[in-house]
N, C-alpha and C. Protein backbone atom coordinates (compact mmCIF):
# COMPACT_ATOMS: atom_id res chain seq x y z
N MET A 1 -31.39 158.79 95.32
CA MET A 1 -32.29 159.13 96.40
C MET A 1 -32.08 158.14 97.55
N ARG A 2 -32.00 158.66 98.76
CA ARG A 2 -31.77 157.84 99.93
C ARG A 2 -33.10 157.38 100.53
N THR A 3 -33.13 156.14 100.99
CA THR A 3 -34.33 155.60 101.62
C THR A 3 -34.44 156.12 103.05
N ILE A 4 -35.64 156.49 103.45
CA ILE A 4 -35.88 156.94 104.82
C ILE A 4 -35.88 155.72 105.73
N THR A 5 -35.11 155.78 106.80
CA THR A 5 -34.99 154.65 107.73
C THR A 5 -35.84 154.88 108.98
N ILE A 6 -35.98 153.84 109.76
CA ILE A 6 -36.71 153.93 111.02
C ILE A 6 -36.05 154.96 111.94
N GLY A 7 -34.73 155.03 111.93
CA GLY A 7 -34.03 156.02 112.76
C GLY A 7 -34.41 157.44 112.39
N ASP A 8 -34.55 157.70 111.09
CA ASP A 8 -34.96 159.03 110.64
C ASP A 8 -36.35 159.37 111.16
N VAL A 9 -37.24 158.43 111.07
CA VAL A 9 -38.62 158.65 111.52
C VAL A 9 -38.65 158.88 113.02
N LYS A 10 -37.85 158.13 113.78
CA LYS A 10 -37.83 158.28 115.24
C LYS A 10 -37.37 159.68 115.64
N VAL A 11 -36.36 160.19 114.96
CA VAL A 11 -35.88 161.54 115.27
C VAL A 11 -37.00 162.55 115.12
N LEU A 12 -37.74 162.46 114.03
CA LEU A 12 -38.83 163.40 113.81
C LEU A 12 -40.05 163.05 114.64
N ASP A 13 -40.28 161.77 114.87
CA ASP A 13 -41.44 161.34 115.66
C ASP A 13 -41.32 161.80 117.11
N ASN A 14 -40.09 161.92 117.60
CA ASN A 14 -39.88 162.41 118.96
C ASN A 14 -40.39 163.83 119.14
N LEU A 15 -40.58 164.54 118.06
CA LEU A 15 -41.07 165.91 118.11
C LEU A 15 -42.59 166.00 118.05
N ARG A 16 -43.26 164.87 117.90
CA ARG A 16 -44.72 164.87 117.78
C ARG A 16 -45.34 165.53 119.01
N GLY A 17 -46.22 166.49 118.76
CA GLY A 17 -46.92 167.18 119.83
C GLY A 17 -46.16 168.34 120.46
N VAL A 18 -44.93 168.57 120.03
CA VAL A 18 -44.14 169.68 120.57
C VAL A 18 -44.71 171.00 120.05
N THR A 19 -44.74 171.98 120.90
CA THR A 19 -45.18 173.32 120.49
C THR A 19 -43.96 174.15 120.14
N LEU A 20 -44.00 174.71 118.95
CA LEU A 20 -42.89 175.55 118.48
C LEU A 20 -43.38 176.98 118.29
N SER A 21 -42.47 177.90 118.48
CA SER A 21 -42.79 179.28 118.11
C SER A 21 -42.42 179.46 116.64
N GLU A 22 -42.99 180.45 116.03
CA GLU A 22 -42.76 180.67 114.60
C GLU A 22 -41.28 180.84 114.29
N ASP A 23 -40.53 181.45 115.20
CA ASP A 23 -39.11 181.66 114.94
C ASP A 23 -38.29 180.37 115.06
N GLN A 24 -38.90 179.27 115.50
CA GLN A 24 -38.20 177.98 115.58
C GLN A 24 -38.40 177.13 114.32
N LEU A 25 -39.21 177.57 113.39
CA LEU A 25 -39.46 176.79 112.18
C LEU A 25 -38.19 176.57 111.37
N TYR A 26 -37.31 177.55 111.34
CA TYR A 26 -36.04 177.38 110.62
C TYR A 26 -35.25 176.24 111.24
N ASP A 27 -35.20 176.20 112.59
CA ASP A 27 -34.47 175.12 113.27
C ASP A 27 -35.08 173.76 112.98
N LEU A 28 -36.41 173.69 112.97
CA LEU A 28 -37.09 172.43 112.65
C LEU A 28 -36.77 172.00 111.22
N THR A 29 -36.76 172.94 110.32
CA THR A 29 -36.42 172.63 108.93
C THR A 29 -34.99 172.08 108.83
N GLN A 30 -34.07 172.70 109.52
CA GLN A 30 -32.68 172.23 109.50
C GLN A 30 -32.57 170.83 110.11
N LEU A 31 -33.30 170.58 111.18
CA LEU A 31 -33.29 169.25 111.81
C LEU A 31 -33.84 168.20 110.86
N ALA A 32 -34.94 168.51 110.19
CA ALA A 32 -35.54 167.56 109.25
C ALA A 32 -34.60 167.29 108.08
N VAL A 33 -33.97 168.33 107.56
CA VAL A 33 -33.03 168.17 106.45
C VAL A 33 -31.88 167.26 106.88
N ALA A 34 -31.35 167.49 108.07
CA ALA A 34 -30.23 166.66 108.55
C ALA A 34 -30.67 165.23 108.83
N ALA A 35 -31.82 165.05 109.48
CA ALA A 35 -32.29 163.72 109.85
C ALA A 35 -32.59 162.86 108.62
N LEU A 36 -33.08 163.50 107.57
CA LEU A 36 -33.44 162.76 106.36
C LEU A 36 -32.34 162.80 105.30
N ASP A 37 -31.21 163.42 105.66
CA ASP A 37 -30.05 163.52 104.77
C ASP A 37 -30.46 164.09 103.40
N LEU A 38 -31.24 165.16 103.44
CA LEU A 38 -31.70 165.80 102.21
C LEU A 38 -30.64 166.73 101.67
N THR A 39 -30.65 166.93 100.39
CA THR A 39 -29.80 167.91 99.74
C THR A 39 -30.66 169.09 99.34
N VAL A 40 -30.24 170.27 99.74
CA VAL A 40 -30.99 171.48 99.42
C VAL A 40 -30.23 172.21 98.32
N ARG A 41 -30.95 172.58 97.29
CA ARG A 41 -30.31 173.29 96.19
C ARG A 41 -30.95 174.66 96.01
N ASN A 42 -30.17 175.56 95.48
CA ASN A 42 -30.70 176.89 95.15
C ASN A 42 -31.44 176.77 93.83
N SER A 43 -32.58 177.45 93.72
CA SER A 43 -33.35 177.34 92.48
C SER A 43 -32.95 178.40 91.48
């Protein structure tokens, strides 16, 4: 498991207060996955 760094938090923190449309949630999810270097697996 990778430790979350200050840089990761800044990337997501820059989005604080942003208004998204429902169709942008997929993009936000992809950004969060990339910023936090998460691995997504199929269940």
